[in-house]
Amino acid sequence: MSSPLLSDVWVIARRGLLHMRRQPEVLADATFQPIMFVLLFAYVFGGAIAVPGGGDYKEFLMGGIFAQTLVFSCFGVAMGLAADRGNGAVDRFRSLPISRGAVLGGHALANMIKTVLPITLMAICGLIVGWTPNGPLLDTVAGFGLMFLFSFAMIWVGVLLGSTLATPEAVQGVTFTVLFPLTFIASTFVPTDTLPGVLRTIAEWNPTTTLADALRRLFDNPGAVAPADVPWSLAHPIAYTLIWIAAIVAICAPLAVSRYQRSITD
């Protein structure tokens, strides 16, 4: 690469990808866990869950599984950045003649590349268990594009967490405490109208719900058509998800960069 910044970003990103290959447990989290969720919910719980408007639960499920995995995609970059701050790798990078921003750019690029693996494996696993993108090819491509846009936004959440929390253990605790409820109080695995009271309202405005519904709509899967009396977020899941992506990047990116700079100079 001719640009020193791009070259330095690629060196840091390549380091992150090599870590994934040399740490099988990290690779397992990114591969086996999404596949396990597909198989468990498709074959263990699927028979007991009715899809609104009818249709195959396995096709309804895939939009939710994609959304859940993308929300958790911030976990990898947060863990990697917190570990690098803790083991002195960031201090070592600062002592080297590399471009400013290469560390954050490298972590972001590595995480974007890592996202391709679970999405590809989940799509293959979904096709095997019975999922089919029934929409036009352009809508299918748009669905995968929306996934990568959401993943890009979640990277900045990960950078913010990795720059704020002191240890990988703290990242793990906070991430699961916040994100696990966020992915379950949603239409990830069940329709929102099956949830009671305030949980239903939270789910209807939860971006995890609208990302899952947007993917169902673009893939023309069951659950894609919203009833007439639902909130604006469910009636326009693609637009609502894009607004969330723009808001997350606009708010979290400058905060993450500022917090990272402060964390390495304190």
C-alpha atoms as a PDB file:
ATOM      1  CA  MET A   1       0.000   0.000   0.000  1.00  0.00           C
ATOM      2  CA  SER A   2       1.390   3.420  -1.008  1.00  0.00           C
ATOM      3  CA  SER A   3      -0.163   5.474   1.807  1.00  0.00           C
ATOM      4  CA  PRO A   4       1.746   5.150   5.113  1.00  0.00           C
ATOM      5  CA  LEU A   5      -1.552   5.328   7.045  1.00  0.00           C
ATOM      6  CA  LEU A   6      -3.207   2.565   5.002  1.00  0.00           C
ATOM      7  CA  SER A   7      -0.081   0.436   5.241  1.00  0.00           C
ATOM      8  CA  ASP A   8       0.078   0.858   9.031  1.00  0.00           C
ATOM      9  CA  VAL A   9      -3.656   0.149   9.371  1.00  0.00           C
ATOM     10  CA  TRP A  10      -3.234  -3.069   7.410  1.00  0.00           C
ATOM     11  CA  VAL A  11      -0.292  -4.169   9.610  1.00  0.00           C
ATOM     12  CA  ILE A  12      -2.398  -3.724  12.767  1.00  0.00           C
ATOM     13  CA  ALA A  13      -5.416  -5.377  11.141  1.00  0.00           C
ATOM     14  CA  ARG A  14      -3.318  -8.333   9.972  1.00  0.00           C
ATOM     15  CA  ARG A  15      -2.025  -8.731  13.528  1.00  0.00           C
ATOM     16  CA  GLY A  16      -5.634  -8.924  14.774  1.00  0.00           C
ATOM     17  CA  LEU A  17      -6.525 -11.527  12.155  1.00  0.00           C
ATOM     18  CA  LEU A  18      -3.483 -13.635  13.061  1.00  0.00           C
ATOM     19  CA  HIS A  19      -4.554 -13.505  16.726  1.00  0.00           C
ATOM     20  CA  MET A  20      -7.930 -14.929  15.750  1.00  0.00           C
ATOM     21  CA  ARG A  21      -6.259 -17.805  13.897  1.00  0.00           C
ATOM     22  CA  ARG A  22      -3.911 -18.528  16.792  1.00  0.00           C
ATOM     23  CA  GLN A  23      -6.608 -18.286  19.474  1.00  0.00           C
ATOM     24  CA  PRO A  24      -9.117 -21.058  18.684  1.00  0.00           C
ATOM     25  CA  GLU A  25     -11.464 -19.926  21.468  1.00  0.00           C
ATOM     26  CA  VAL A  26     -11.911 -16.543  19.763  1.00  0.00           C
ATOM     27  CA  LEU A  27     -12.552 -18.273  16.448  1.00  0.00           C
ATOM     28  CA  ALA A  28     -15.074 -20.548  18.152  1.00  0.00           C
ATOM     29  CA  ASP A  29     -17.030 -17.568  19.513  1.00  0.00           C
ATOM     30  CA  ALA A  30     -17.243 -16.099  16.020  1.00  0.00           C
ATOM     31  CA  THR A  31     -18.232 -19.339  14.285  1.00  0.00           C
ATOM     32  CA  PHE A  32     -19.763 -22.056  16.442  1.00  0.00           C
ATOM     33  CA  GLN A  33     -21.903 -19.790  18.635  1.00  0.00           C
ATOM     34  CA  PRO A  34     -24.024 -18.316  15.770  1.00  0.00           C
ATOM     35  CA  ILE A  35     -24.400 -21.786  14.237  1.00  0.00           C
ATOM     36  CA  MET A  36     -25.420 -23.196  17.620  1.00  0.00           C
ATOM     37  CA  PHE A  37     -28.147 -20.538  17.961  1.00  0.00           C
ATOM     38  CA  VAL A  38     -29.447 -21.334  14.461  1.00  0.00           C
ATOM     39  CA  LEU A  39     -29.650 -25.066  15.172  1.00  0.00           C
ATOM     40  CA  LEU A  40     -31.039 -24.734  18.724  1.00  0.00           C
ATOM     41  CA  PHE A  41     -33.835 -22.315  17.879  1.00  0.00           C
ATOM     42  CA  ALA A  42     -34.639 -23.970  14.546  1.00  0.00           C
ATOM     43  CA  TYR A  43     -34.980 -27.502  15.889  1.00  0.00           C
ATOM     44  CA  VAL A  44     -35.515 -27.205  19.689  1.00  0.00           C
ATOM     45  CA  PHE A  45     -37.760 -24.143  20.066  1.00  0.00           C
ATOM     46  CA  GLY A  46     -38.986 -23.581  16.508  1.00  0.00           C
ATOM     47  CA  GLY A  47     -41.898 -25.983  16.692  1.00  0.00           C
ATOM     48  CA  ALA A  48     -43.429 -24.092  19.646  1.00  0.00           C
ATOM     49  CA  ILE A  49     -43.244 -20.569  18.177  1.00  0.00           C
ATOM     50  CA  ALA A  50     -45.879 -19.297  15.740  1.00  0.00           C
ATOM     51  CA  VAL A  51     -44.873 -16.799  13.069  1.00  0.00           C
ATOM     52  CA  PRO A  52     -47.263 -13.833  12.603  1.00  0.00           C
ATOM     53  CA  GLY A  53     -49.037 -14.250   9.287  1.00  0.00           C
ATOM     54  CA  GLY A  54     -47.844 -17.827   8.982  1.00  0.00           C
ATOM     55  CA  GLY A  55     -44.720 -19.172   7.340  1.00  0.00           C
ATOM     56  CA  ASP A  56     -41.670 -21.214   8.235  1.00  0.00           C
ATOM     57  CA  TYR A  57     -40.107 -20.291  11.604  1.00  0.00           C
ATOM     58  CA  LYS A  58     -36.636 -21.121  10.279  1.00  0.00           C
ATOM     59  CA  GLU A  59     -36.974 -18.300   7.726  1.00  0.00           C
ATOM     60  CA  PHE A  60     -38.312 -15.930  10.431  1.00  0.00           C
ATOM     61  CA  LEU A  61     -35.432 -16.916  12.706  1.00  0.00           C
ATOM     62  CA  MET A  62     -32.549 -16.030  10.386  1.00  0.00           C
ATOM     63  CA  GLY A  63     -33.169 -12.269  10.430  1.00  0.00           C
ATOM     64  CA  GLY A  64     -33.037 -12.373  14.237  1.00  0.00           C
ATOM     65  CA  ILE A  65     -29.893 -14.493  14.369  1.00  0.00           C
ATOM     66  CA  PHE A  66     -28.119 -12.143  11.952  1.00  0.00           C
ATOM     67  CA  ALA A  67     -29.194  -9.137  14.066  1.00  0.00           C
ATOM     68  CA  GLN A  68     -28.102 -10.724  17.356  1.00  0.00           C
ATOM     69  CA  THR A  69     -24.655 -11.582  15.976  1.00  0.00           C
ATOM     70  CA  LEU A  70     -24.159  -8.075  14.598  1.00  0.00           C
ATOM     71  CA  VAL A  71     -25.080  -6.438  17.919  1.00  0.00           C
ATOM     72  CA  PHE A  72     -22.470  -8.608  19.624  1.00  0.00           C
ATOM     73  CA  SER A  73     -19.871  -7.755  16.963  1.00  0.00           C
ATOM     74  CA  CYS A  74     -18.711  -4.852  19.146  1.00  0.00           C
ATOM     75  CA  PHE A  75     -17.496  -7.414  21.674  1.00  0.00           C
ATOM     76  CA  GLY A  76     -14.431  -8.499  19.651  1.00  0.00           C
ATOM     77  CA  VAL A  77     -13.018  -5.032  19.040  1.00  0.00           C
ATOM     78  CA  ALA A  78     -13.660  -4.004  22.678  1.00  0.00           C
ATOM     79  CA  MET A  79     -11.895  -7.094  24.012  1.00  0.00           C
ATOM     80  CA  GLY A  80      -8.953  -6.671  21.610  1.00  0.00           C
ATOM     81  CA  LEU A  81      -8.461  -2.995  22.434  1.00  0.00           C
ATOM     82  CA  ALA A  82      -8.755  -3.521  26.211  1.00  0.00           C
ATOM     83  CA  ALA A  83      -6.253  -6.394  26.019  1.00  0.00           C
ATOM     84  CA  ASP A  84      -3.780  -4.288  24.003  1.00  0.00           C
ATOM     85  CA  ARG A  85      -4.036  -1.465  26.548  1.00  0.00           C
ATOM     86  CA  GLY A  86      -3.525  -3.885  29.417  1.00  0.00           C
ATOM     87  CA  ASN A  87      -0.564  -5.844  28.045  1.00  0.00           C
ATOM     88  CA  GLY A  88       1.358  -2.773  26.899  1.00  0.00           C
ATOM     89  CA  ALA A  89       0.905  -3.358  23.159  1.00  0.00           C
ATOM     90  CA  VAL A  90      -0.591   0.115  22.669  1.00  0.00           C
ATOM     91  CA  ASP A  91       2.393   1.693  24.464  1.00  0.00           C
ATOM     92  CA  ARG A  92       4.689  -0.299  22.187  1.00  0.00           C
ATOM     93  CA  PHE A  93       2.804   0.933  19.107  1.00  0.00           C
ATOM     94  CA  ARG A  94       3.160   4.540  20.316  1.00  0.00           C
ATOM     95  CA  SER A  95       6.934   4.107  20.520  1.00  0.00           C
ATOM     96  CA  LEU A  96       7.065   3.005  16.868  1.00  0.00           C
ATOM     97  CA  PRO A  97       7.060   5.319  13.833  1.00  0.00           C
ATOM     98  CA  ILE A  98       3.508   4.469  12.781  1.00  0.00           C
ATOM     99  CA  SER A  99       0.680   6.777  11.769  1.00  0.00           C
ATOM    100  CA  ARG A 100      -1.660   8.192  14.379  1.00  0.00           C
ATOM    101  CA  GLY A 101      -4.969   6.443  14.098  1.00  0.00           C
ATOM    102  CA  ALA A 102      -3.420   3.236  12.744  1.00  0.00           C
ATOM    103  CA  VAL A 103      -4.250   1.277  15.919  1.00  0.00           C
ATOM    104  CA  LEU A 104      -7.949   2.205  15.897  1.00  0.00           C
ATOM    105  CA  GLY A 105      -8.131   1.825  12.130  1.00  0.00           C
ATOM    106  CA  GLY A 106      -6.452  -1.583  12.286  1.00  0.00           C
ATOM    107  CA  HIS A 107      -8.802  -2.864  14.998  1.00  0.00           C
ATOM    108  CA  ALA A 108     -11.804  -1.566  13.020  1.00  0.00           C
ATOM    109  CA  LEU A 109     -10.649  -3.152   9.752  1.00  0.00           C
ATOM    110  CA  ALA A 110      -9.850  -6.490  11.414  1.00  0.00           C
ATOM    111  CA  ASN A 111     -13.275  -6.555  13.035  1.00  0.00           C
ATOM    112  CA  MET A 112     -15.012  -5.773   9.733  1.00  0.00           C
ATOM    113  CA  ILE A 113     -13.166  -8.669   8.078  1.00  0.00           C
ATOM    114  CA  LYS A 114     -13.970 -10.944  11.040  1.00  0.00           C
ATOM    115  CA  THR A 115     -17.662 -10.124  10.615  1.00  0.00           C
ATOM    116  CA  VAL A 116     -17.630 -11.703   7.147  1.00  0.00           C
ATOM    117  CA  LEU A 117     -16.889 -15.139   8.620  1.00  0.00           C
ATOM    118  CA  PRO A 118     -19.899 -15.555  10.973  1.00  0.00           C
ATOM    119  CA  ILE A 119     -22.294 -13.954   8.466  1.00  0.00           C
ATOM    120  CA  THR A 120     -21.125 -16.362   5.757  1.00  0.00           C
ATOM    121  CA  LEU A 121     -21.315 -19.388   8.058  1.00  0.00           C
ATOM    122  CA  MET A 122     -24.771 -18.402   9.345  1.00  0.00           C
ATOM    123  CA  ALA A 123     -26.047 -17.910   5.797  1.00  0.00           C
ATOM    124  CA  ILE A 124     -24.744 -21.347   4.763  1.00  0.00           C
ATOM    125  CA  CYS A 125     -26.146 -22.952   7.926  1.00  0.00           C
ATOM    126  CA  GLY A 126     -29.483 -21.192   7.332  1.00  0.00           C
ATOM    127  CA  LEU A 127     -29.660 -22.435   3.754  1.00  0.00           C
ATOM    128  CA  ILE A 128     -29.013 -25.974   5.019  1.00  0.00           C
ATOM    129  CA  VAL A 129     -31.807 -25.845   7.647  1.00  0.00           C
ATOM    130  CA  GLY A 130     -34.348 -24.326   5.238  1.00  0.00           C
ATOM    131  CA  TRP A 131     -33.832 -20.539   5.049  1.00  0.00           C
ATOM    132  CA  THR A 132     -34.201 -18.955   1.607  1.00  0.00           C
ATOM    133  CA  PRO A 133     -33.858 -15.294   0.566  1.00  0.00           C
ATOM    134  CA  ASN A 134     -37.078 -15.028  -1.447  1.00  0.00           C
ATOM    135  CA  GLY A 135     -36.751 -11.399  -2.494  1.00  0.00           C
ATOM    136  CA  PRO A 136     -35.142  -9.950  -5.638  1.00  0.00           C
ATOM    137  CA  LEU A 137     -31.365 -10.263  -5.915  1.00  0.00           C
ATOM    138  CA  LEU A 138     -30.927  -6.509  -5.408  1.00  0.00           C
ATOM    139  CA  ASP A 139     -32.855  -6.655  -2.111  1.00  0.00           C
ATOM    140  CA  THR A 140     -30.774  -9.625  -0.970  1.00  0.00           C
ATOM    141  CA  VAL A 141     -27.576  -7.697  -1.699  1.00  0.00           C
ATOM    142  CA  ALA A 142     -29.053  -4.698   0.153  1.00  0.00           C
ATOM    143  CA  GLY A 143     -29.741  -6.959   3.146  1.00  0.00           C
ATOM    144  CA  PHE A 144     -26.113  -8.010   3.377  1.00  0.00           C
ATOM    145  CA  GLY A 145     -25.046  -4.390   2.843  1.00  0.00           C
ATOM    146  CA  LEU A 146     -27.251  -3.305   5.759  1.00  0.00           C
ATOM    147  CA  MET A 147     -25.547  -5.919   7.926  1.00  0.00           C
ATOM    148  CA  PHE A 148     -22.100  -4.514   7.164  1.00  0.00           C
ATOM    149  CA  LEU A 149     -23.274  -0.942   7.811  1.00  0.00           C
ATOM    150  CA  PHE A 150     -24.648  -1.986  11.215  1.00  0.00           C
ATOM    151  CA  SER A 151     -21.423  -3.879  11.961  1.00  0.00           C
ATOM    152  CA  PHE A 152     -19.419  -0.728  11.121  1.00  0.00           C
ATOM    153  CA  ALA A 153     -21.530   1.266  13.588  1.00  0.00           C
ATOM    154  CA  MET A 154     -21.084  -1.337  16.337  1.00  0.00           C
ATOM    155  CA  ILE A 155     -17.299  -1.160  15.900  1.00  0.00           C
ATOM    156  CA  TRP A 156     -17.372   2.356  17.336  1.00  0.00           C
ATOM    157  CA  VAL A 157     -19.374   1.093  20.316  1.00  0.00           C
ATOM    158  CA  GLY A 158     -16.636  -1.512  20.761  1.00  0.00           C
ATOM    159  CA  VAL A 159     -13.850   1.077  20.521  1.00  0.00           C
ATOM    160  CA  LEU A 160     -15.637   3.214  23.120  1.00  0.00           C
ATOM    161  CA  LEU A 161     -16.004   0.256  25.495  1.00  0.00           C
ATOM    162  CA  GLY A 162     -12.429  -0.939  24.920  1.00  0.00           C
ATOM    163  CA  SER A 163     -11.060   2.564  25.589  1.00  0.00           C
ATOM    164  CA  THR A 164     -13.188   3.124  28.703  1.00  0.00           C
ATOM    165  CA  LEU A 165     -13.055  -0.191  30.548  1.00  0.00           C
ATOM    166  CA  ALA A 166      -9.755  -1.198  32.111  1.00  0.00           C
ATOM    167  CA  THR A 167      -9.659  -4.951  31.489  1.00  0.00           C
ATOM    168  CA  PRO A 168     -11.056  -7.577  29.082  1.00  0.00           C
ATOM    169  CA  GLU A 169     -12.937  -9.068  32.063  1.00  0.00           C
ATOM    170  CA  ALA A 170     -14.705  -5.750  32.632  1.00  0.00           C
ATOM    171  CA  VAL A 171     -15.548  -5.568  28.916  1.00  0.00           C
ATOM    172  CA  GLN A 172     -17.001  -9.066  29.052  1.00  0.00           C
ATOM    173  CA  GLY A 173     -19.109  -8.305  32.129  1.00  0.00           C
ATOM    174  CA  VAL A 174     -20.510  -5.001  30.888  1.00  0.00           C
ATOM    175  CA  THR A 175     -21.084  -6.212  27.338  1.00  0.00           C
ATOM    176  CA  PHE A 176     -23.084  -9.276  28.314  1.00  0.00           C
ATOM    177  CA  THR A 177     -25.015  -7.394  31.009  1.00  0.00           C
ATOM    178  CA  VAL A 178     -26.148  -4.731  28.527  1.00  0.00           C
ATOM    179  CA  LEU A 179     -26.291  -6.535  25.191  1.00  0.00           C
ATOM    180  CA  PHE A 180     -27.844  -9.835  26.210  1.00  0.00           C
ATOM    181  CA  PRO A 181     -31.154  -8.260  27.350  1.00  0.00           C
ATOM    182  CA  LEU A 182     -31.033  -5.925  24.336  1.00  0.00           C
ATOM    183  CA  THR A 183     -31.007  -8.883  21.935  1.00  0.00           C
ATOM    184  CA  PHE A 184     -33.709 -10.845  23.774  1.00  0.00           C
ATOM    185  CA  ILE A 185     -36.184  -7.986  24.397  1.00  0.00           C
ATOM    186  CA  ALA A 186     -36.680  -7.795  20.650  1.00  0.00           C
ATOM    187  CA  SER A 187     -38.154  -9.725  17.743  1.00  0.00           C
ATOM    188  CA  THR A 188     -34.929 -11.707  17.506  1.00  0.00           C
ATOM    189  CA  PHE A 189     -36.537 -15.061  18.291  1.00  0.00           C
ATOM    190  CA  VAL A 190     -40.237 -14.299  18.903  1.00  0.00           C
ATOM    191  CA  PRO A 191     -42.697 -11.720  17.501  1.00  0.00           C
ATOM    192  CA  THR A 192     -42.937  -8.531  19.598  1.00  0.00           C
ATOM    193  CA  ASP A 193     -46.709  -8.922  20.085  1.00  0.00           C
ATOM    194  CA  THR A 194     -46.047 -11.946  22.305  1.00  0.00           C
ATOM    195  CA  LEU A 195     -44.212  -9.785  24.874  1.00  0.00           C
ATOM    196  CA  PRO A 196     -46.068  -8.260  27.843  1.00  0.00           C
ATOM    197  CA  GLY A 197     -46.625  -4.544  28.611  1.00  0.00           C
ATOM    198  CA  VAL A 198     -43.545  -2.367  28.794  1.00  0.00           C
ATOM    199  CA  LEU A 199     -41.286  -5.088  27.374  1.00  0.00           C
ATOM    200  CA  ARG A 200     -43.328  -4.979  24.162  1.00  0.00           C
ATOM    201  CA  THR A 201     -42.877  -1.198  23.910  1.00  0.00           C
ATOM    202  CA  ILE A 202     -39.122  -1.510  24.469  1.00  0.00           C
ATOM    203  CA  ALA A 203     -38.935  -4.240  21.841  1.00  0.00           C
ATOM    204  CA  GLU A 204     -40.884  -2.207  19.292  1.00  0.00           C
ATOM    205  CA  TRP A 205     -38.330   0.645  19.457  1.00  0.00           C
ATOM    206  CA  ASN A 206     -35.279  -1.567  19.974  1.00  0.00           C
ATOM    207  CA  PRO A 207     -32.906  -1.284  16.960  1.00  0.00           C
ATOM    208  CA  THR A 208     -32.234  -5.025  17.257  1.00  0.00           C
ATOM    209  CA  THR A 209     -35.910  -5.593  16.424  1.00  0.00           C
ATOM    210  CA  THR A 210     -35.914  -3.253  13.451  1.00  0.00           C
ATOM    211  CA  LEU A 211     -32.634  -4.653  12.096  1.00  0.00           C
ATOM    212  CA  ALA A 212     -34.122  -8.168  12.250  1.00  0.00           C
ATOM    213  CA  ASP A 213     -37.374  -6.966  10.652  1.00  0.00           C
ATOM    214  CA  ALA A 214     -35.490  -5.003   7.977  1.00  0.00           C
ATOM    215  CA  LEU A 215     -33.545  -8.123   7.016  1.00  0.00           C
ATOM    216  CA  ARG A 216     -36.782 -10.169   6.934  1.00  0.00           C
ATOM    217  CA  ARG A 217     -38.293  -7.547   4.635  1.00  0.00           C
ATOM    218  CA  LEU A 218     -35.281  -7.415   2.309  1.00  0.00           C
ATOM    219  CA  PHE A 219     -35.063 -11.225   2.213  1.00  0.00           C
ATOM    220  CA  ASP A 220     -38.879 -11.470   1.879  1.00  0.00           C
ATOM    221  CA  ASN A 221     -39.065 -13.871   4.821  1.00  0.00           C
ATOM    222  CA  PRO A 222     -42.028 -14.488   7.179  1.00  0.00           C
ATOM    223  CA  GLY A 223     -42.679 -11.589   9.571  1.00  0.00           C
ATOM    224  CA  ALA A 224     -41.669  -9.014   6.957  1.00  0.00           C
ATOM    225  CA  VAL A 225     -45.120  -7.441   6.614  1.00  0.00           C
ATOM    226  CA  ALA A 226     -46.060  -5.270   9.623  1.00  0.00           C
ATOM    227  CA  PRO A 227     -49.728  -4.850  10.683  1.00  0.00           C
ATOM    228  CA  ALA A 228     -51.324  -1.439  10.099  1.00  0.00           C
ATOM    229  CA  ASP A 229     -51.435  -0.388  13.778  1.00  0.00           C
ATOM    230  CA  VAL A 230     -47.739  -0.819  14.708  1.00  0.00           C
ATOM    231  CA  PRO A 231     -45.373   2.045  15.689  1.00  0.00           C
ATOM    232  CA  TRP A 232     -43.407   3.918  12.995  1.00  0.00           C
ATOM    233  CA  SER A 233     -40.258   1.968  13.864  1.00  0.00           C
ATOM    234  CA  LEU A 234     -41.880  -1.345  12.888  1.00  0.00           C
ATOM    235  CA  ALA A 235     -43.692   0.089   9.859  1.00  0.00           C
ATOM    236  CA  HIS A 236     -40.387   1.454   8.475  1.00  0.00           C
ATOM    237  CA  PRO A 237     -37.684  -0.876   9.872  1.00  0.00           C
ATOM    238  CA  ILE A 238     -35.107  -0.150   7.149  1.00  0.00           C
ATOM    239  CA  ALA A 239     -35.287   3.637   7.558  1.00  0.00           C
ATOM    240  CA  TYR A 240     -35.356   3.368  11.382  1.00  0.00           C
ATOM    241  CA  THR A 241     -32.291   1.078  11.366  1.00  0.00           C
ATOM    242  CA  LEU A 242     -30.387   3.449   9.062  1.00  0.00           C
ATOM    243  CA  ILE A 243     -31.189   6.338  11.430  1.00  0.00           C
ATOM    244  CA  TRP A 244     -29.775   4.292  14.324  1.00  0.00           C
ATOM    245  CA  ILE A 245     -26.631   3.473  12.320  1.00  0.00           C
ATOM    246  CA  ALA A 246     -26.069   7.169  11.553  1.00  0.00           C
ATOM    247  CA  ALA A 247     -26.747   8.152  15.182  1.00  0.00           C
ATOM    248  CA  ILE A 248     -24.392   5.518  16.624  1.00  0.00           C
ATOM    249  CA  VAL A 249     -21.546   6.580  14.295  1.00  0.00           C
ATOM    250  CA  ALA A 250     -22.180  10.309  14.847  1.00  0.00           C
ATOM    251  CA  ILE A 251     -22.210   9.970  18.654  1.00  0.00           C
ATOM    252  CA  CYS A 252     -19.900   7.051  19.413  1.00  0.00           C
ATOM    253  CA  ALA A 253     -17.098   7.674  16.855  1.00  0.00           C
ATOM    254  CA  PRO A 254     -15.936  11.069  18.223  1.00  0.00           C
ATOM    255  CA  LEU A 255     -16.451   9.890  21.816  1.00  0.00           C
ATOM    256  CA  ALA A 256     -14.465   6.710  21.125  1.00  0.00           C
ATOM    257  CA  VAL A 257     -11.552   8.555  19.503  1.00  0.00           C
ATOM    258  CA  SER A 258     -11.487  11.122  22.336  1.00  0.00           C
ATOM    259  CA  ARG A 259     -11.657   8.434  25.021  1.00  0.00           C
ATOM    260  CA  TYR A 260      -8.942   6.372  23.309  1.00  0.00           C
ATOM    261  CA  GLN A 261      -6.573   9.373  23.088  1.00  0.00           C
ATOM    262  CA  ARG A 262      -7.190  10.127  26.762  1.00  0.00           C
ATOM    263  CA  SER A 263      -6.663   6.494  27.798  1.00  0.00           C
ATOM    264  CA  ILE A 264      -3.204   6.294  26.211  1.00  0.00           C
ATOM    265  CA  THR A 265      -1.994   9.630  27.577  1.00  0.00           C
ATOM    266  CA  ASP A 266      -3.219   9.326  31.201  1.00  0.00           C
END
